[in-house]
Amino acid sequence: MRPSGARGTARRATTRPRTPTRRSPRARRDLLSAAGFLGPFGLLFLLTFVAPIGYAVYQSLLKPTRSGPLGLGGSGEAFAGLDNYRHALEDDRFLAGFARVLLFAAVQIPLMLVLATALALLLDAASARWVGFFRTAYFLPYGVPGVIASILWGFLYVPGISPLVELAHGVGWDVDFLSRGTVLWSIANIVTWQFTGYNMLVLIAQLKAIPTDLYEAARIDGASSWQTARHIKLALIRPALVLTTVFSIIGTIQLFAEPMVLKPLASAIDSGYTPNLHAYHEAFKGNNQYVAAAEAVLIATVACVLSFGFLRLVGRQRERDGAG
């Protein structure tokens, strides 16, 4: 049994205040250097990302008010609670736009990533020639702004001036790229043409990070090129595929430039064709920036939910594969 004096000594030893450790001059310099590098980024991040989001959330909780007889006494703002969100969620065109972009994403994103993966694997093959030229050629559409790309493709979709339409009519195919049933896939063609090269470049960067020893070991074991691509390359570029999928989900939910440019050419595209287009018209055509702010918050929320949901799904799949 420990004596009481020993217990008191041990208690005093454990409760003795610690003297604060002083940072060495080198540690302070490293801390200041890190703050100097991260400070400008943090400031820009706050000003260009966090502050606009906060202001949008703030505006989404307000509503316009007018005072005086017939509302001529002046305008102001009042707290609206969740009324703007209720108004947005009760708008059939806004909800139809969400359904439309989700269908768009379910078809366009897998198709684009399959094309990007195939191009990346082909260009990474040892027997590929003119790799630099083809890599630049496939990436070049990404350098064309979305508005310009939509204008260029718009000329290729309009009957009477489009060589594609004339060629289709020449072989007996009566096609209208801007009709109600096909205009969504015409937009998908523009997006795929523009972003496949970008995703391909991300996948190629991941392929270049794979140690060549793995390829040599597979070749010694008698693996064919197809087996090497399937069991080594595709397995090791999974992080890049996850990254490009998340970027594609976020970009699809924010679809705006392509339908906005094609709207004067296609009667099937209305002001609520996509959620972003609907929010734009609410703010700048309907002069209702409060509902538009609520819709913008809802668009961001859906993009976050889908992105993190996909990441969670991939994480669970990876855990099951590891357990297996």
C-alpha atoms as a PDB file:
ATOM      1  CA  MET A   1       0.000   0.000   0.000  1.00  0.00           C
ATOM      2  CA  ARG A   2       1.430   3.390  -1.064  1.00  0.00           C
ATOM      3  CA  PRO A   3       2.033   5.845   1.824  1.00  0.00           C
ATOM      4  CA  SER A   4      -0.104   8.991   1.933  1.00  0.00           C
ATOM      5  CA  GLY A   5       2.970  11.193   1.551  1.00  0.00           C
ATOM      6  CA  ALA A   6       3.874   9.431  -1.667  1.00  0.00           C
ATOM      7  CA  ARG A   7       0.330   9.945  -2.955  1.00  0.00           C
ATOM      8  CA  GLY A   8       0.522  13.660  -2.164  1.00  0.00           C
ATOM      9  CA  THR A   9       3.884  13.938  -3.871  1.00  0.00           C
ATOM     10  CA  ALA A  10       2.574  12.150  -6.958  1.00  0.00           C
ATOM     11  CA  ARG A  11      -0.531  14.389  -7.020  1.00  0.00           C
ATOM     12  CA  ARG A  12       1.574  17.533  -6.799  1.00  0.00           C
ATOM     13  CA  ALA A  13       3.839  16.210  -9.537  1.00  0.00           C
ATOM     14  CA  THR A  14       0.925  15.584 -11.893  1.00  0.00           C
ATOM     15  CA  THR A  15      -0.715  18.951 -11.237  1.00  0.00           C
ATOM     16  CA  ARG A  16       2.465  20.987 -11.603  1.00  0.00           C
ATOM     17  CA  PRO A  17       1.936  23.551 -14.376  1.00  0.00           C
ATOM     18  CA  ARG A  18       3.963  23.004 -17.477  1.00  0.00           C
ATOM     19  CA  THR A  19       6.219  25.735 -18.654  1.00  0.00           C
ATOM     20  CA  PRO A  20       5.326  26.778 -22.201  1.00  0.00           C
ATOM     21  CA  THR A  21       7.828  25.637 -24.774  1.00  0.00           C
ATOM     22  CA  ARG A  22       9.358  28.431 -26.784  1.00  0.00           C
ATOM     23  CA  ARG A  23       9.582  28.027 -30.517  1.00  0.00           C
ATOM     24  CA  SER A  24      13.017  28.077 -31.995  1.00  0.00           C
ATOM     25  CA  PRO A  25      13.883  30.877 -34.442  1.00  0.00           C
ATOM     26  CA  ARG A  26      13.854  28.331 -37.263  1.00  0.00           C
ATOM     27  CA  ALA A  27      10.341  27.130 -36.323  1.00  0.00           C
ATOM     28  CA  ARG A  28       9.091  30.717 -36.206  1.00  0.00           C
ATOM     29  CA  ARG A  29      10.588  31.418 -39.626  1.00  0.00           C
ATOM     30  CA  ASP A  30       8.952  28.296 -41.036  1.00  0.00           C
ATOM     31  CA  LEU A  31       5.612  29.353 -39.544  1.00  0.00           C
ATOM     32  CA  LEU A  32       5.914  32.843 -41.023  1.00  0.00           C
ATOM     33  CA  SER A  33       6.898  31.398 -44.406  1.00  0.00           C
ATOM     34  CA  ALA A  34       3.877  29.087 -44.392  1.00  0.00           C
ATOM     35  CA  ALA A  35       1.611  31.982 -43.441  1.00  0.00           C
ATOM     36  CA  GLY A  36       3.109  34.095 -46.214  1.00  0.00           C
ATOM     37  CA  PHE A  37       2.400  31.418 -48.810  1.00  0.00           C
ATOM     38  CA  LEU A  38      -1.072  30.498 -47.551  1.00  0.00           C
ATOM     39  CA  GLY A  39      -2.193  34.015 -46.620  1.00  0.00           C
ATOM     40  CA  PRO A  40      -2.886  35.334 -50.158  1.00  0.00           C
ATOM     41  CA  PHE A  41      -4.684  32.126 -51.108  1.00  0.00           C
ATOM     42  CA  GLY A  42      -6.750  32.200 -47.922  1.00  0.00           C
ATOM     43  CA  LEU A  43      -7.689  35.838 -48.497  1.00  0.00           C
ATOM     44  CA  LEU A  44      -8.733  35.214 -52.104  1.00  0.00           C
ATOM     45  CA  PHE A  45     -10.615  32.086 -51.029  1.00  0.00           C
ATOM     46  CA  LEU A  46     -12.563  34.077 -48.471  1.00  0.00           C
ATOM     47  CA  LEU A  47     -13.308  36.955 -50.841  1.00  0.00           C
ATOM     48  CA  THR A  48     -14.182  34.956 -53.962  1.00  0.00           C
ATOM     49  CA  PHE A  49     -15.714  31.789 -52.512  1.00  0.00           C
ATOM     50  CA  VAL A  50     -16.803  31.953 -48.884  1.00  0.00           C
ATOM     51  CA  ALA A  51     -18.104  35.549 -48.952  1.00  0.00           C
ATOM     52  CA  PRO A  52     -20.293  35.079 -52.088  1.00  0.00           C
ATOM     53  CA  ILE A  53     -21.767  31.888 -50.651  1.00  0.00           C
ATOM     54  CA  GLY A  54     -22.508  33.612 -47.368  1.00  0.00           C
ATOM     55  CA  TYR A  55     -24.086  36.567 -49.154  1.00  0.00           C
ATOM     56  CA  ALA A  56     -26.229  34.238 -51.291  1.00  0.00           C
ATOM     57  CA  VAL A  57     -27.467  32.437 -48.183  1.00  0.00           C
ATOM     58  CA  TYR A  58     -28.201  35.810 -46.566  1.00  0.00           C
ATOM     59  CA  GLN A  59     -30.148  37.052 -49.589  1.00  0.00           C
ATOM     60  CA  SER A  60     -32.104  33.817 -49.822  1.00  0.00           C
ATOM     61  CA  LEU A  61     -33.603  34.559 -46.389  1.00  0.00           C
ATOM     62  CA  LEU A  62     -34.928  38.002 -47.348  1.00  0.00           C
ATOM     63  CA  LYS A  63     -37.892  39.352 -49.279  1.00  0.00           C
ATOM     64  CA  PRO A  64     -38.653  42.781 -50.760  1.00  0.00           C
ATOM     65  CA  THR A  65     -41.048  45.103 -48.977  1.00  0.00           C
ATOM     66  CA  ARG A  66     -42.679  48.380 -49.977  1.00  0.00           C
ATOM     67  CA  SER A  67     -44.212  51.040 -47.752  1.00  0.00           C
ATOM     68  CA  GLY A  68     -46.696  53.853 -48.184  1.00  0.00           C
ATOM     69  CA  PRO A  69     -49.898  54.041 -50.215  1.00  0.00           C
ATOM     70  CA  LEU A  70     -49.799  51.671 -53.195  1.00  0.00           C
ATOM     71  CA  GLY A  71     -46.225  50.820 -52.266  1.00  0.00           C
ATOM     72  CA  LEU A  72     -44.914  54.214 -53.347  1.00  0.00           C
ATOM     73  CA  GLY A  73     -43.312  55.097 -50.039  1.00  0.00           C
ATOM     74  CA  GLY A  74     -40.078  53.261 -50.699  1.00  0.00           C
ATOM     75  CA  SER A  75     -38.647  49.765 -50.875  1.00  0.00           C
ATOM     76  CA  GLY A  76     -36.838  47.706 -48.293  1.00  0.00           C
ATOM     77  CA  GLU A  77     -36.035  44.187 -47.186  1.00  0.00           C
ATOM     78  CA  ALA A  78     -37.537  41.947 -44.529  1.00  0.00           C
ATOM     79  CA  PHE A  79     -36.776  38.520 -43.149  1.00  0.00           C
ATOM     80  CA  ALA A  80     -38.581  35.850 -45.172  1.00  0.00           C
ATOM     81  CA  GLY A  81     -37.378  32.681 -43.494  1.00  0.00           C
ATOM     82  CA  LEU A  82     -37.622  29.722 -45.848  1.00  0.00           C
ATOM     83  CA  ASP A  83     -40.325  31.207 -48.070  1.00  0.00           C
ATOM     84  CA  ASN A  84     -37.940  31.643 -51.010  1.00  0.00           C
ATOM     85  CA  TYR A  85     -36.890  27.994 -50.770  1.00  0.00           C
ATOM     86  CA  ARG A  86     -40.530  26.920 -50.631  1.00  0.00           C
ATOM     87  CA  HIS A  87     -41.265  29.045 -53.699  1.00  0.00           C
ATOM     88  CA  ALA A  88     -38.327  27.498 -55.579  1.00  0.00           C
ATOM     89  CA  LEU A  89     -39.282  23.934 -54.678  1.00  0.00           C
ATOM     90  CA  GLU A  90     -42.883  24.535 -55.732  1.00  0.00           C
ATOM     91  CA  ASP A  91     -41.820  25.771 -59.180  1.00  0.00           C
ATOM     92  CA  ASP A  92     -42.413  22.940 -61.642  1.00  0.00           C
ATOM     93  CA  ARG A  93     -39.968  24.324 -64.211  1.00  0.00           C
ATOM     94  CA  PHE A  94     -37.152  24.500 -61.650  1.00  0.00           C
ATOM     95  CA  LEU A  95     -37.749  20.899 -60.576  1.00  0.00           C
ATOM     96  CA  ALA A  96     -38.038  19.777 -64.211  1.00  0.00           C
ATOM     97  CA  GLY A  97     -34.658  21.402 -64.871  1.00  0.00           C
ATOM     98  CA  PHE A  98     -33.121  19.338 -62.067  1.00  0.00           C
ATOM     99  CA  ALA A  99     -34.614  16.135 -63.492  1.00  0.00           C
ATOM    100  CA  ARG A 100     -33.260  17.085 -66.920  1.00  0.00           C
ATOM    101  CA  VAL A 101     -29.668  17.649 -65.760  1.00  0.00           C
ATOM    102  CA  LEU A 102     -29.735  14.438 -63.713  1.00  0.00           C
ATOM    103  CA  LEU A 103     -30.727  12.507 -66.842  1.00  0.00           C
ATOM    104  CA  PHE A 104     -28.032  14.413 -68.718  1.00  0.00           C
ATOM    105  CA  ALA A 105     -25.443  13.422 -66.094  1.00  0.00           C
ATOM    106  CA  ALA A 106     -26.488   9.764 -66.055  1.00  0.00           C
ATOM    107  CA  VAL A 107     -25.778   9.464 -69.793  1.00  0.00           C
ATOM    108  CA  GLN A 108     -23.123  12.052 -70.583  1.00  0.00           C
ATOM    109  CA  ILE A 109     -20.680  11.580 -67.683  1.00  0.00           C
ATOM    110  CA  PRO A 110     -20.106   7.809 -68.144  1.00  0.00           C
ATOM    111  CA  LEU A 111     -19.810   8.240 -71.917  1.00  0.00           C
ATOM    112  CA  MET A 112     -17.292  11.072 -71.577  1.00  0.00           C
ATOM    113  CA  LEU A 113     -15.169   9.247 -68.997  1.00  0.00           C
ATOM    114  CA  VAL A 114     -15.124   6.047 -71.037  1.00  0.00           C
ATOM    115  CA  LEU A 115     -13.886   8.016 -74.063  1.00  0.00           C
ATOM    116  CA  ALA A 116     -11.317   9.867 -71.936  1.00  0.00           C
ATOM    117  CA  THR A 117     -10.058   6.602 -70.416  1.00  0.00           C
ATOM    118  CA  ALA A 118      -9.800   4.904 -73.813  1.00  0.00           C
ATOM    119  CA  LEU A 119      -7.857   7.845 -75.263  1.00  0.00           C
ATOM    120  CA  ALA A 120      -5.547   7.948 -72.242  1.00  0.00           C
ATOM    121  CA  LEU A 121      -4.802   4.227 -72.474  1.00  0.00           C
ATOM    122  CA  LEU A 122      -4.161   4.444 -76.214  1.00  0.00           C
ATOM    123  CA  LEU A 123      -1.805   7.399 -75.854  1.00  0.00           C
ATOM    124  CA  ASP A 124       0.004   5.705 -72.982  1.00  0.00           C
ATOM    125  CA  ALA A 125       0.631   2.569 -75.033  1.00  0.00           C
ATOM    126  CA  ALA A 126       4.249   1.966 -75.934  1.00  0.00           C
ATOM    127  CA  SER A 127       3.424   1.561 -79.630  1.00  0.00           C
ATOM    128  CA  ALA A 128       1.562   4.874 -79.915  1.00  0.00           C
ATOM    129  CA  ARG A 129       3.034   7.336 -82.431  1.00  0.00           C
ATOM    130  CA  TRP A 130       2.718  11.092 -82.563  1.00  0.00           C
ATOM    131  CA  VAL A 131       1.689  11.071 -78.928  1.00  0.00           C
ATOM    132  CA  GLY A 132       2.378  14.769 -78.390  1.00  0.00           C
ATOM    133  CA  PHE A 133       0.362  15.794 -81.439  1.00  0.00           C
ATOM    134  CA  PHE A 134      -2.681  13.692 -80.580  1.00  0.00           C
ATOM    135  CA  ARG A 135      -2.556  14.689 -76.925  1.00  0.00           C
ATOM    136  CA  THR A 136      -2.605  18.363 -77.906  1.00  0.00           C
ATOM    137  CA  ALA A 137      -5.312  17.795 -80.518  1.00  0.00           C
ATOM    138  CA  TYR A 138      -7.599  16.028 -78.037  1.00  0.00           C
ATOM    139  CA  PHE A 139      -6.985  18.643 -75.345  1.00  0.00           C
ATOM    140  CA  LEU A 140      -7.436  21.619 -77.683  1.00  0.00           C
ATOM    141  CA  PRO A 141     -11.290  21.758 -77.443  1.00  0.00           C
ATOM    142  CA  TYR A 142     -10.949  22.426 -73.710  1.00  0.00           C
ATOM    143  CA  GLY A 143      -9.139  25.662 -74.560  1.00  0.00           C
ATOM    144  CA  VAL A 144     -12.195  26.900 -76.436  1.00  0.00           C
ATOM    145  CA  PRO A 145     -14.560  28.798 -74.091  1.00  0.00           C
ATOM    146  CA  GLY A 146     -17.944  27.176 -73.609  1.00  0.00           C
ATOM    147  CA  VAL A 147     -19.792  30.082 -75.206  1.00  0.00           C
ATOM    148  CA  ILE A 148     -17.613  29.973 -78.337  1.00  0.00           C
ATOM    149  CA  ALA A 149     -17.927  26.197 -78.551  1.00  0.00           C
ATOM    150  CA  SER A 150     -21.716  26.455 -78.308  1.00  0.00           C
ATOM    151  CA  ILE A 151     -21.802  29.075 -81.070  1.00  0.00           C
ATOM    152  CA  LEU A 152     -19.630  26.905 -83.330  1.00  0.00           C
ATOM    153  CA  TRP A 153     -21.768  23.825 -82.753  1.00  0.00           C
ATOM    154  CA  GLY A 154     -24.912  25.934 -83.098  1.00  0.00           C
ATOM    155  CA  PHE A 155     -23.989  26.621 -86.729  1.00  0.00           C
ATOM    156  CA  LEU A 156     -23.550  22.872 -87.205  1.00  0.00           C
ATOM    157  CA  TYR A 157     -27.012  22.201 -85.770  1.00  0.00           C
ATOM    158  CA  VAL A 158     -29.117  24.802 -87.599  1.00  0.00           C
ATOM    159  CA  PRO A 159     -30.903  23.393 -90.678  1.00  0.00           C
ATOM    160  CA  GLY A 160     -30.121  25.168 -93.933  1.00  0.00           C
ATOM    161  CA  ILE A 161     -26.551  26.127 -93.057  1.00  0.00           C
ATOM    162  CA  SER A 162     -25.307  22.993 -91.337  1.00  0.00           C
ATOM    163  CA  PRO A 163     -23.244  20.562 -93.434  1.00  0.00           C
ATOM    164  CA  LEU A 164     -24.085  17.827 -90.920  1.00  0.00           C
ATOM    165  CA  VAL A 165     -27.820  18.263 -91.464  1.00  0.00           C
ATOM    166  CA  GLU A 166     -27.373  18.369 -95.231  1.00  0.00           C
ATOM    167  CA  LEU A 167     -25.241  15.217 -95.117  1.00  0.00           C
ATOM    168  CA  ALA A 168     -27.854  13.439 -92.989  1.00  0.00           C
ATOM    169  CA  HIS A 169     -30.628  14.493 -95.373  1.00  0.00           C
ATOM    170  CA  GLY A 170     -28.511  13.274 -98.288  1.00  0.00           C
ATOM    171  CA  VAL A 171     -28.472   9.731 -96.904  1.00  0.00           C
ATOM    172  CA  GLY A 172     -32.193   9.828 -96.120  1.00  0.00           C
ATOM    173  CA  TRP A 173     -31.961  10.601 -92.398  1.00  0.00           C
ATOM    174  CA  ASP A 174     -34.389  13.347 -91.415  1.00  0.00           C
ATOM    175  CA  VAL A 175     -32.716  14.747 -88.316  1.00  0.00           C
ATOM    176  CA  ASP A 176     -33.253  17.933 -86.337  1.00  0.00           C
ATOM    177  CA  PHE A 177     -30.522  18.466 -83.754  1.00  0.00           C
ATOM    178  CA  LEU A 178     -32.507  21.246 -82.042  1.00  0.00           C
ATOM    179  CA  SER A 179     -35.865  19.504 -81.651  1.00  0.00           C
ATOM    180  CA  ARG A 180     -37.400  18.859 -78.251  1.00  0.00           C
ATOM    181  CA  GLY A 181     -36.308  15.234 -78.214  1.00  0.00           C
ATOM    182  CA  THR A 182     -32.727  15.721 -79.371  1.00  0.00           C
ATOM    183  CA  VAL A 183     -31.535  19.122 -78.149  1.00  0.00           C
ATOM    184  CA  LEU A 184     -30.456  17.747 -74.757  1.00  0.00           C
ATOM    185  CA  TRP A 185     -28.184  15.233 -76.464  1.00  0.00           C
ATOM    186  CA  SER A 186     -26.915  17.942 -78.811  1.00  0.00           C
ATOM    187  CA  ILE A 187     -25.818  19.827 -75.686  1.00  0.00           C
ATOM    188  CA  ALA A 188     -24.293  16.612 -74.352  1.00  0.00           C
ATOM    189  CA  ASN A 189     -22.278  16.333 -77.569  1.00  0.00           C
ATOM    190  CA  ILE A 190     -20.862  19.847 -77.035  1.00  0.00           C
ATOM    191  CA  VAL A 191     -19.911  19.115 -73.423  1.00  0.00           C
ATOM    192  CA  THR A 192     -18.347  15.767 -74.336  1.00  0.00           C
ATOM    193  CA  TRP A 193     -16.371  17.316 -77.194  1.00  0.00           C
ATOM    194  CA  GLN A 194     -15.087  20.064 -74.915  1.00  0.00           C
ATOM    195  CA  PHE A 195     -14.171  18.177 -71.735  1.00  0.00           C
ATOM    196  CA  THR A 196     -13.084  14.715 -72.877  1.00  0.00           C
ATOM    197  CA  GLY A 197      -9.571  15.988 -73.624  1.00  0.00           C
ATOM    198  CA  TYR A 198      -9.277  17.625 -70.203  1.00  0.00           C
ATOM    199  CA  ASN A 199     -10.250  14.425 -68.389  1.00  0.00           C
ATOM    200  CA  MET A 200      -7.928  12.470 -70.672  1.00  0.00           C
ATOM    201  CA  LEU A 201      -5.010  14.657 -69.586  1.00  0.00           C
ATOM    202  CA  VAL A 202      -5.792  14.068 -65.895  1.00  0.00           C
ATOM    203  CA  LEU A 203      -5.842  10.306 -66.496  1.00  0.00           C
ATOM    204  CA  ILE A 204      -2.590  10.421 -68.470  1.00  0.00           C
ATOM    205  CA  ALA A 205      -0.912  12.243 -65.589  1.00  0.00           C
ATOM    206  CA  GLN A 206      -1.999   9.424 -63.274  1.00  0.00           C
ATOM    207  CA  LEU A 207      -0.791   6.798 -65.738  1.00  0.00           C
ATOM    208  CA  LYS A 208       2.645   8.431 -65.884  1.00  0.00           C
ATOM    209  CA  ALA A 209       2.905   8.074 -62.100  1.00  0.00           C
ATOM    210  CA  ILE A 210       2.639   4.267 -62.269  1.00  0.00           C
ATOM    211  CA  PRO A 211       6.070   2.621 -61.773  1.00  0.00           C
ATOM    212  CA  THR A 212       7.284   0.919 -64.927  1.00  0.00           C
ATOM    213  CA  ASP A 213       8.458  -2.028 -62.805  1.00  0.00           C
ATOM    214  CA  LEU A 214       4.853  -3.182 -62.598  1.00  0.00           C
ATOM    215  CA  TYR A 215       4.615  -3.327 -66.389  1.00  0.00           C
ATOM    216  CA  GLU A 216       7.861  -5.275 -66.636  1.00  0.00           C
ATOM    217  CA  ALA A 217       6.719  -7.743 -63.975  1.00  0.00           C
ATOM    218  CA  ALA A 218       3.400  -8.237 -65.795  1.00  0.00           C
ATOM    219  CA  ARG A 219       5.227  -8.765 -69.093  1.00  0.00           C
ATOM    220  CA  ILE A 220       7.487 -11.378 -67.492  1.00  0.00           C
ATOM    221  CA  ASP A 221       4.429 -13.159 -66.098  1.00  0.00           C
ATOM    222  CA  GLY A 222       3.023 -13.360 -69.616  1.00  0.00           C
ATOM    223  CA  ALA A 223       0.300 -10.718 -69.319  1.00  0.00           C
ATOM    224  CA  SER A 224      -0.991  -9.291 -72.579  1.00  0.00           C
ATOM    225  CA  SER A 225      -1.416  -5.583 -73.248  1.00  0.00           C
ATOM    226  CA  TRP A 226      -5.144  -5.859 -72.586  1.00  0.00           C
ATOM    227  CA  GLN A 227      -4.562  -7.671 -69.276  1.00  0.00           C
ATOM    228  CA  THR A 228      -1.985  -5.071 -68.225  1.00  0.00           C
ATOM    229  CA  ALA A 229      -4.393  -2.251 -69.040  1.00  0.00           C
ATOM    230  CA  ARG A 230      -7.290  -3.925 -67.242  1.00  0.00           C
ATOM    231  CA  HIS A 231      -5.621  -5.231 -64.092  1.00  0.00           C
ATOM    232  CA  ILE A 232      -2.853  -2.660 -63.561  1.00  0.00           C
ATOM    233  CA  LYS A 233      -3.588   0.600 -65.339  1.00  0.00           C
ATOM    234  CA  LEU A 234      -7.335   0.773 -64.719  1.00  0.00           C
ATOM    235  CA  ALA A 235      -6.881  -0.307 -61.109  1.00  0.00           C
ATOM    236  CA  LEU A 236      -4.215   2.305 -60.368  1.00  0.00           C
ATOM    237  CA  ILE A 237      -5.911   5.265 -62.073  1.00  0.00           C
ATOM    238  CA  ARG A 238      -9.023   4.874 -59.926  1.00  0.00           C
ATOM    239  CA  PRO A 239      -8.208   8.031 -57.879  1.00  0.00           C
ATOM    240  CA  ALA A 240      -8.029  10.071 -61.092  1.00  0.00           C
ATOM    241  CA  LEU A 241     -11.300   8.569 -62.311  1.00  0.00           C
ATOM    242  CA  VAL A 242     -12.953   9.489 -59.008  1.00  0.00           C
ATOM    243  CA  LEU A 243     -11.610  13.041 -59.281  1.00  0.00           C
ATOM    244  CA  THR A 244     -12.814  13.538 -62.845  1.00  0.00           C
ATOM    245  CA  THR A 245     -16.217  12.073 -61.978  1.00  0.00           C
ATOM    246  CA  VAL A 246     -16.667  14.501 -59.084  1.00  0.00           C
ATOM    247  CA  PHE A 247     -15.661  17.446 -61.282  1.00  0.00           C
ATOM    248  CA  SER A 248     -18.086  16.256 -63.960  1.00  0.00           C
ATOM    249  CA  ILE A 249     -20.958  15.951 -61.485  1.00  0.00           C
ATOM    250  CA  ILE A 250     -20.398  19.485 -60.215  1.00  0.00           C
ATOM    251  CA  GLY A 251     -20.104  20.867 -63.751  1.00  0.00           C
ATOM    252  CA  THR A 252     -23.240  19.096 -64.941  1.00  0.00           C
ATOM    253  CA  ILE A 253     -25.385  20.460 -62.116  1.00  0.00           C
ATOM    254  CA  GLN A 254     -24.149  23.942 -63.078  1.00  0.00           C
ATOM    255  CA  LEU A 255     -24.935  23.500 -66.785  1.00  0.00           C
ATOM    256  CA  PHE A 256     -25.597  26.976 -68.162  1.00  0.00           C
ATOM    257  CA  ALA A 257     -23.522  28.307 -71.085  1.00  0.00           C
ATOM    258  CA  GLU A 258     -24.531  25.732 -73.702  1.00  0.00           C
ATOM    259  CA  PRO A 259     -28.342  25.954 -73.274  1.00  0.00           C
ATOM    260  CA  MET A 260     -28.091  29.734 -72.865  1.00  0.00           C
ATOM    261  CA  VAL A 261     -26.337  30.120 -76.235  1.00  0.00           C
ATOM    262  CA  LEU A 262     -28.577  27.616 -78.038  1.00  0.00           C
ATOM    263  CA  LYS A 263     -31.788  29.074 -76.574  1.00  0.00           C
ATOM    264  CA  PRO A 264     -32.411  31.519 -79.477  1.00  0.00           C
ATOM    265  CA  LEU A 265     -31.935  28.652 -81.940  1.00  0.00           C
ATOM    266  CA  ALA A 266     -34.060  25.999 -80.233  1.00  0.00           C
ATOM    267  CA  SER A 267     -37.640  26.609 -79.159  1.00  0.00           C
ATOM    268  CA  ALA A 268     -37.405  23.542 -76.917  1.00  0.00           C
ATOM    269  CA  ILE A 269     -35.040  25.401 -74.574  1.00  0.00           C
ATOM    270  CA  ASP A 270     -37.025  27.638 -72.248  1.00  0.00           C
ATOM    271  CA  SER A 271     -35.991  29.804 -69.310  1.00  0.00           C
ATOM    272  CA  GLY A 272     -36.176  26.832 -66.934  1.00  0.00           C
ATOM    273  CA  TYR A 273     -34.348  24.284 -69.053  1.00  0.00           C
ATOM    274  CA  THR A 274     -31.622  23.877 -66.410  1.00  0.00           C
ATOM    275  CA  PRO A 275     -31.608  24.988 -62.747  1.00  0.00           C
ATOM    276  CA  ASN A 276     -28.844  27.534 -63.379  1.00  0.00           C
ATOM    277  CA  LEU A 277     -30.722  28.974 -66.344  1.00  0.00           C
ATOM    278  CA  HIS A 278     -33.859  29.265 -64.237  1.00  0.00           C
ATOM    279  CA  ALA A 279     -31.974  31.072 -61.456  1.00  0.00           C
ATOM    280  CA  TYR A 280     -30.456  33.446 -64.013  1.00  0.00           C
ATOM    281  CA  HIS A 281     -33.868  34.368 -65.408  1.00  0.00           C
ATOM    282  CA  GLU A 282     -35.320  34.806 -61.917  1.00  0.00           C
ATOM    283  CA  ALA A 283     -32.540  37.263 -61.038  1.00  0.00           C
ATOM    284  CA  PHE A 284     -32.108  39.255 -64.259  1.00  0.00           C
ATOM    285  CA  LYS A 285     -35.408  38.822 -66.100  1.00  0.00           C
ATOM    286  CA  GLY A 286     -37.894  38.423 -63.262  1.00  0.00           C
ATOM    287  CA  ASN A 287     -36.026  40.890 -61.006  1.00  0.00           C
ATOM    288  CA  ASN A 288     -36.338  38.501 -58.068  1.00  0.00           C
ATOM    289  CA  GLN A 289     -32.812  38.047 -56.783  1.00  0.00           C
ATOM    290  CA  TYR A 290     -34.026  36.614 -53.474  1.00  0.00           C
ATOM    291  CA  VAL A 291     -35.633  33.550 -55.044  1.00  0.00           C
ATOM    292  CA  ALA A 292     -32.659  33.283 -57.401  1.00  0.00           C
ATOM    293  CA  ALA A 293     -30.330  33.221 -54.383  1.00  0.00           C
ATOM    294  CA  ALA A 294     -32.404  30.438 -52.825  1.00  0.00           C
ATOM    295  CA  GLU A 295     -32.229  28.475 -56.076  1.00  0.00           C
ATOM    296  CA  ALA A 296     -28.460  28.994 -56.228  1.00  0.00           C
ATOM    297  CA  VAL A 297     -28.126  27.631 -52.693  1.00  0.00           C
ATOM    298  CA  LEU A 298     -30.261  24.623 -53.639  1.00  0.00           C
ATOM    299  CA  ILE A 299     -28.108  23.986 -56.728  1.00  0.00           C
ATOM    300  CA  ALA A 300     -24.938  24.097 -54.622  1.00  0.00           C
ATOM    301  CA  THR A 301     -26.521  21.793 -52.034  1.00  0.00           C
ATOM    302  CA  VAL A 302     -27.511  19.210 -54.642  1.00  0.00           C
ATOM    303  CA  ALA A 303     -24.012  19.332 -56.167  1.00  0.00           C
ATOM    304  CA  CYS A 304     -22.446  18.779 -52.724  1.00  0.00           C
ATOM    305  CA  VAL A 305     -24.818  15.931 -51.857  1.00  0.00           C
ATOM    306  CA  LEU A 306     -24.201  14.121 -55.153  1.00  0.00           C
ATOM    307  CA  SER A 307     -20.425  14.638 -54.977  1.00  0.00           C
ATOM    308  CA  PHE A 308     -20.024  13.508 -51.384  1.00  0.00           C
ATOM    309  CA  GLY A 309     -22.502  10.701 -51.944  1.00  0.00           C
ATOM    310  CA  PHE A 310     -20.403   9.432 -54.838  1.00  0.00           C
ATOM    311  CA  LEU A 311     -17.228   9.715 -52.741  1.00  0.00           C
ATOM    312  CA  ARG A 312     -18.916   7.805 -49.921  1.00  0.00           C
ATOM    313  CA  LEU A 313     -20.018   5.095 -52.343  1.00  0.00           C
ATOM    314  CA  VAL A 314     -16.485   4.774 -53.720  1.00  0.00           C
ATOM    315  CA  GLY A 315     -15.072   4.630 -50.190  1.00  0.00           C
ATOM    316  CA  ARG A 316     -17.420   1.824 -49.200  1.00  0.00           C
ATOM    317  CA  GLN A 317     -16.566  -0.092 -52.363  1.00  0.00           C
ATOM    318  CA  ARG A 318     -12.870   0.288 -51.575  1.00  0.00           C
ATOM    319  CA  GLU A 319     -13.453  -0.999 -48.033  1.00  0.00           C
ATOM    320  CA  ARG A 320     -15.298  -4.046 -49.360  1.00  0.00           C
ATOM    321  CA  ASP A 321     -12.528  -4.720 -51.851  1.00  0.00           C
ATOM    322  CA  GLY A 322      -9.939  -4.435 -49.087  1.00  0.00           C
ATOM    323  CA  ALA A 323     -11.914  -6.748 -46.805  1.00  0.00           C
ATOM    324  CA  GLY A 324     -12.292  -9.251 -49.620  1.00  0.00           C
END
